[in-house]
Amino acid sequence: MISHQYNPLESLRVMGNAPQDALGPSIEVLLWNVFKCKKSGWHEDFVSLIKHKDVVLLQEAVLNSRFDFQFTRSREHQWIMARSFKNMRDNVENGIKTGCRVAAIEHTFAASAHSEPITKTKKMSLACLYPIANSHQQLLVVNAHLINFVSIDKFMSHLKGVFEVLNAHRGPVIMAGDFNTWNRQRLKYLQSLATAFALNEVEITRRPRMHHLFQHLDHIYCRGLRTNHVHVHTNIHTSDHFPVSLSVTPIV
């Protein structure tokens, strides 16, 4: 049975070393669903993309692969991975990773309450709190990969849980990831929650992709931050998602 191919993990792993004490004044961000790092040339693109990035948010990230050294030996970023499941055939673990040039003050993760059909695996969210230079405030970074192939009720349940981490935080926020908003109902609910938590969506100019049902799945929301620029790397083809670079500055 296919369901026996995967073993649930739902745990956290911290790797690498962060060289800075605080973020700012500008914060350079990369968002990318890396498609389990399966495509040829992925590592070369990744190394190039993360240069000078303060915060890196990855979905469909892997561990126990030939790319582990990039994270475990890193002296440029602390990497935190929320692992969802292990592929029993090759021992590769899957989940989401957040990298930062500053060590997290706090971090927490959550798995979706429901599992996706057939594979019986869950999707993850990871929240990390980081210090901001010359500020008493802290930046909350939420990396999310939303559950897919389930009813709208199960999707809404997962998304509501992702947003719960914002309840007690009054400072700046970056919430980004692959939200699997491939229909109007999913997107509308995401937008309603973002509005309720005073998050503003970063406008991203891009073209829809056929295998995403001509819908945009990757989104970035901010609060308490000014967007300096956004760039979609349409020249990168080593994933089924284009990487997105973002520069923001905390609003004093």
Protein backbone atom coordinates (compact mmCIF):
# COMPACT_ATOMS: atom_id res chain seq x y z
CA MET A 1 0.00 0.00 0.00
CA ILE A 2 1.20 3.51 -0.80
CA SER A 3 0.28 4.73 2.68
CA HIS A 4 2.99 2.49 4.16
CA GLN A 5 5.67 4.24 2.09
CA TYR A 6 5.77 7.14 4.55
CA ASN A 7 6.44 7.28 8.26
CA PRO A 8 5.14 10.31 10.22
CA LEU A 9 7.76 12.39 12.02
CA GLU A 10 6.20 15.72 12.99
CA SER A 11 9.31 16.93 14.78
CA LEU A 12 11.85 19.74 14.71
CA ARG A 13 15.54 19.84 13.71
CA VAL A 14 17.90 22.82 14.18
CA MET A 15 21.07 23.05 12.05
CA GLY A 16 23.82 25.49 11.13
CA ASN A 17 25.00 28.70 12.76
CA ALA A 18 23.73 32.27 12.50
CA PRO A 19 26.46 34.96 12.24
CA GLN A 20 24.41 38.04 13.20
CA ASP A 21 22.83 39.27 16.42
CA ALA A 22 19.77 41.01 14.95
CA LEU A 23 17.92 41.65 11.69
CA GLY A 24 17.79 44.97 9.88
CA PRO A 25 17.68 47.71 8.95
CA SER A 26 16.49 46.10 5.71
CA ILE A 27 15.59 42.40 5.65
CA GLU A 28 16.14 40.34 2.51
CA VAL A 29 13.81 37.35 2.15
CA LEU A 30 13.58 34.35 -0.18
CA LEU A 31 10.46 32.21 -0.55
CA TRP A 32 10.65 28.95 -2.52
CA ASN A 33 8.90 25.61 -2.74
CA VAL A 34 11.92 23.54 -3.74
CA PHE A 35 10.04 20.48 -5.11
CA LYS A 36 11.98 18.10 -2.83
CA CYS A 37 15.22 19.24 -4.51
CA LYS A 38 14.63 16.67 -7.24
CA LYS A 39 15.50 18.63 -10.37
CA SER A 40 18.99 18.70 -11.83
CA GLY A 41 20.83 21.93 -11.11
CA TRP A 42 18.76 22.74 -8.01
CA HIS A 43 21.74 23.07 -5.67
CA GLU A 44 23.56 25.56 -7.89
CA ASP A 45 20.44 27.72 -8.12
CA PHE A 46 19.87 27.50 -4.37
CA VAL A 47 23.40 28.57 -3.48
CA SER A 48 23.09 31.56 -5.77
CA LEU A 49 19.63 32.56 -4.52
CA ILE A 50 20.40 32.52 -0.78
CA LYS A 51 23.42 34.81 -1.07
CA HIS A 52 22.81 37.95 1.01
CA LYS A 53 19.40 36.66 2.13
CA ASP A 54 18.58 37.25 5.78
CA VAL A 55 15.52 35.00 5.89
CA VAL A 56 14.86 31.95 3.69
CA LEU A 57 11.55 30.08 3.69
CA LEU A 58 11.44 26.70 1.95
CA GLN A 59 8.60 24.27 1.40
CA GLU A 60 8.98 20.64 0.28
CA ALA A 61 12.43 20.75 1.87
CA VAL A 62 14.39 17.56 2.53
CA LEU A 63 16.80 16.05 5.05
CA ASN A 64 18.95 12.91 4.82
CA SER A 65 19.80 13.85 1.25
CA ARG A 66 23.07 14.64 -0.53
CA PHE A 67 22.43 18.33 0.14
CA ASP A 68 22.50 18.06 3.95
CA PHE A 69 25.93 19.72 4.22
CA GLN A 70 24.42 22.94 2.89
CA PHE A 71 22.37 23.18 6.08
CA THR A 72 24.19 21.26 8.80
CA ARG A 73 27.53 22.97 8.13
CA SER A 74 26.16 26.40 7.31
CA ARG A 75 27.93 29.39 8.84
CA GLU A 76 25.61 31.85 7.11
CA HIS A 77 22.21 30.74 8.42
CA GLN A 78 20.63 28.89 11.27
CA TRP A 79 18.23 26.39 9.69
CA ILE A 80 15.14 25.09 11.46
CA MET A 81 13.21 22.28 9.82
CA ALA A 82 9.72 21.15 10.75
CA ARG A 83 9.71 17.57 9.51
CA SER A 84 6.44 16.01 8.44
CA PHE A 85 7.30 12.52 7.24
CA LYS A 86 10.06 10.16 6.16
CA ASN A 87 10.05 8.26 2.89
CA MET A 88 10.76 4.68 3.97
CA ARG A 89 12.24 3.78 0.59
CA ASP A 90 15.15 6.22 0.69
CA ASN A 91 15.05 7.50 4.31
CA VAL A 92 14.64 11.10 3.09
CA GLU A 93 12.67 13.33 5.46
CA ASN A 94 10.31 15.99 4.13
CA GLY A 95 8.92 19.22 5.54
CA ILE A 96 9.56 22.95 5.67
CA LYS A 97 12.76 24.85 6.52
CA THR A 98 13.34 28.39 7.71
CA GLY A 99 16.84 29.80 7.49
CA CYS A 100 17.99 33.03 9.10
CA ARG A 101 21.25 34.95 9.59
CA VAL A 102 20.10 35.47 13.19
CA ALA A 103 19.40 32.71 15.70
CA ALA A 104 15.74 32.36 16.62
CA ILE A 105 14.70 33.55 20.08
CA GLU A 106 11.81 31.09 20.02
CA HIS A 107 10.43 28.60 17.53
CA THR A 108 7.41 26.36 17.37
CA PHE A 109 5.81 24.14 14.77
CA ALA A 110 2.42 22.58 14.15
CA ALA A 111 1.13 19.81 11.92
CA SER A 112 -2.25 19.93 10.23
CA ALA A 113 -4.95 18.15 12.23
CA HIS A 114 -5.93 16.16 9.15
CA SER A 115 -3.87 14.09 6.73
CA GLU A 116 -3.81 14.17 2.97
CA PRO A 117 -5.45 11.18 1.25
CA ILE A 118 -3.48 8.21 -0.11
CA THR A 119 -0.13 9.24 1.43
CA LYS A 120 -1.70 9.85 4.89
CA THR A 121 0.84 12.62 5.49
CA LYS A 122 0.33 16.03 7.10
CA LYS A 123 1.43 19.53 6.19
CA MET A 124 3.40 21.81 8.51
CA SER A 125 3.76 25.37 9.71
CA LEU A 126 6.80 26.79 11.48
CA ALA A 127 6.88 30.02 13.49
CA CYS A 128 10.17 31.68 14.49
CA LEU A 129 10.78 34.84 16.50
CA TYR A 130 13.82 37.01 15.69
CA PRO A 131 15.36 40.17 17.22
CA ILE A 132 15.34 43.41 15.21
CA ALA A 133 18.29 45.80 15.38
CA ASN A 134 17.71 48.98 17.40
CA SER A 135 14.17 47.96 18.29
CA HIS A 136 12.36 46.52 21.29
CA GLN A 137 10.11 44.65 18.88
CA GLN A 138 10.70 41.19 17.46
CA LEU A 139 9.91 39.82 14.01
CA LEU A 140 7.59 36.82 13.80
CA VAL A 141 8.25 34.72 10.70
CA VAL A 142 5.67 32.08 9.81
CA ASN A 143 6.55 29.52 7.14
CA ALA A 144 3.50 27.56 5.98
CA HIS A 145 2.65 24.73 3.60
CA LEU A 146 -1.09 24.15 3.52
CA ILE A 147 -2.84 20.83 3.31
CA ASN A 148 -3.98 19.74 -0.16
CA PHE A 149 -6.47 17.31 -1.75
CA VAL A 150 -8.92 17.62 1.17
CA SER A 151 -12.33 19.21 1.74
CA ILE A 152 -12.60 22.95 2.21
CA ASP A 153 -13.50 22.40 5.86
CA LYS A 154 -10.23 20.56 6.50
CA PHE A 155 -8.28 23.20 4.62
CA MET A 156 -9.95 25.96 6.66
CA SER A 157 -9.19 24.10 9.88
CA HIS A 158 -5.50 23.91 9.01
CA LEU A 159 -5.26 27.53 7.91
CA LYS A 160 -7.02 28.76 11.04
CA GLY A 161 -4.48 26.83 13.11
CA VAL A 162 -1.58 28.42 11.20
CA PHE A 163 -2.89 31.90 12.02
CA GLU A 164 -3.37 31.15 15.73
CA VAL A 165 0.31 31.83 16.40
CA LEU A 166 -0.36 35.51 15.61
CA ASN A 167 -2.81 35.90 18.50
CA ALA A 168 -0.23 36.89 21.10
CA HIS A 169 2.19 38.77 18.83
CA ARG A 170 1.95 42.54 18.46
CA GLY A 171 5.10 43.22 16.48
CA PRO A 172 6.06 42.90 12.80
CA VAL A 173 5.09 39.73 10.93
CA ILE A 174 6.10 37.91 7.76
CA MET A 175 3.78 35.05 6.88
CA ALA A 176 4.68 33.27 3.66
CA GLY A 177 4.56 29.91 1.98
CA ASP A 178 2.73 27.61 -0.38
CA PHE A 179 -0.91 28.01 0.62
CA ASN A 180 -2.29 25.72 -2.11
CA THR A 181 -4.90 28.32 -3.06
CA TRP A 182 -5.87 26.64 -6.28
CA ASN A 183 -9.54 27.61 -6.09
CA ARG A 184 -11.49 30.75 -5.24
CA GLN A 185 -12.89 29.39 -1.98
CA ARG A 186 -9.45 28.62 -0.53
CA LEU A 187 -8.04 31.99 -1.58
CA LYS A 188 -11.02 33.89 -0.20
CA TYR A 189 -10.65 32.28 3.22
CA LEU A 190 -6.91 33.00 3.29
CA GLN A 191 -7.58 36.64 2.44
CA SER A 192 -10.26 36.93 5.12
CA LEU A 193 -7.91 35.65 7.84
CA ALA A 194 -5.12 37.94 6.67
CA THR A 195 -7.49 40.91 6.92
CA ALA A 196 -8.63 39.86 10.39
CA PHE A 197 -5.01 39.84 11.59
CA ALA A 198 -4.15 43.15 9.87
CA LEU A 199 -1.78 41.50 7.40
CA ASN A 200 -1.18 43.07 4.00
CA GLU A 201 -0.47 40.86 1.02
CA VAL A 202 2.69 41.68 -0.88
CA GLU A 203 1.82 42.32 -4.52
CA ILE A 204 3.70 39.84 -6.69
CA THR A 205 3.66 40.19 -10.48
CA ARG A 206 3.82 36.76 -12.08
CA ARG A 207 2.12 34.57 -14.61
CA PRO A 208 -0.13 31.65 -13.62
CA ARG A 209 1.01 28.11 -14.36
CA MET A 210 -1.11 25.40 -15.94
CA HIS A 211 -0.10 22.69 -13.46
CA HIS A 212 -1.25 25.00 -10.64
CA LEU A 213 -4.69 25.22 -12.30
CA PHE A 214 -3.74 28.75 -13.40
CA GLN A 215 -3.86 29.94 -9.79
CA HIS A 216 -1.14 31.42 -7.59
CA LEU A 217 -0.21 29.15 -4.68
CA ASP A 218 2.65 31.12 -3.10
CA HIS A 219 1.79 34.19 -1.05
CA ILE A 220 3.59 36.63 1.24
CA TYR A 221 1.79 38.66 3.92
CA CYS A 222 3.35 41.33 6.13
CA ARG A 223 2.48 43.52 9.07
CA GLY A 224 4.54 46.38 10.44
CA LEU A 225 6.92 46.23 7.47
CA ARG A 226 7.47 48.39 4.41
CA THR A 227 8.04 46.53 1.14
CA ASN A 228 11.07 47.84 -0.74
CA HIS A 229 10.97 45.51 -3.73
CA VAL A 230 9.76 42.10 -4.90
CA HIS A 231 11.22 39.93 -7.64
CA VAL A 232 10.03 36.63 -9.12
CA HIS A 233 12.92 34.56 -10.50
CA THR A 234 11.23 33.32 -13.68
CA ASN A 235 14.64 32.26 -15.02
CA ILE A 236 14.86 29.52 -12.38
CA HIS A 237 13.39 26.19 -13.52
CA THR A 238 14.75 23.73 -10.95
CA SER A 239 11.39 23.52 -9.17
CA ASP A 240 7.74 23.60 -10.16
CA HIS A 241 7.51 26.93 -8.25
CA PHE A 242 9.40 30.11 -9.09
CA PRO A 243 11.50 31.53 -6.22
CA VAL A 244 10.40 34.94 -4.91
CA SER A 245 12.80 37.51 -3.42
CA LEU A 246 11.51 40.24 -1.13
CA SER A 247 13.11 43.18 0.65
CA VAL A 248 11.36 44.77 3.63
CA THR A 249 12.13 47.35 6.33
CA PRO A 250 10.49 47.45 9.76
CA ILE A 251 8.23 50.48 10.25
CA VAL A 252 9.48 52.39 13.26
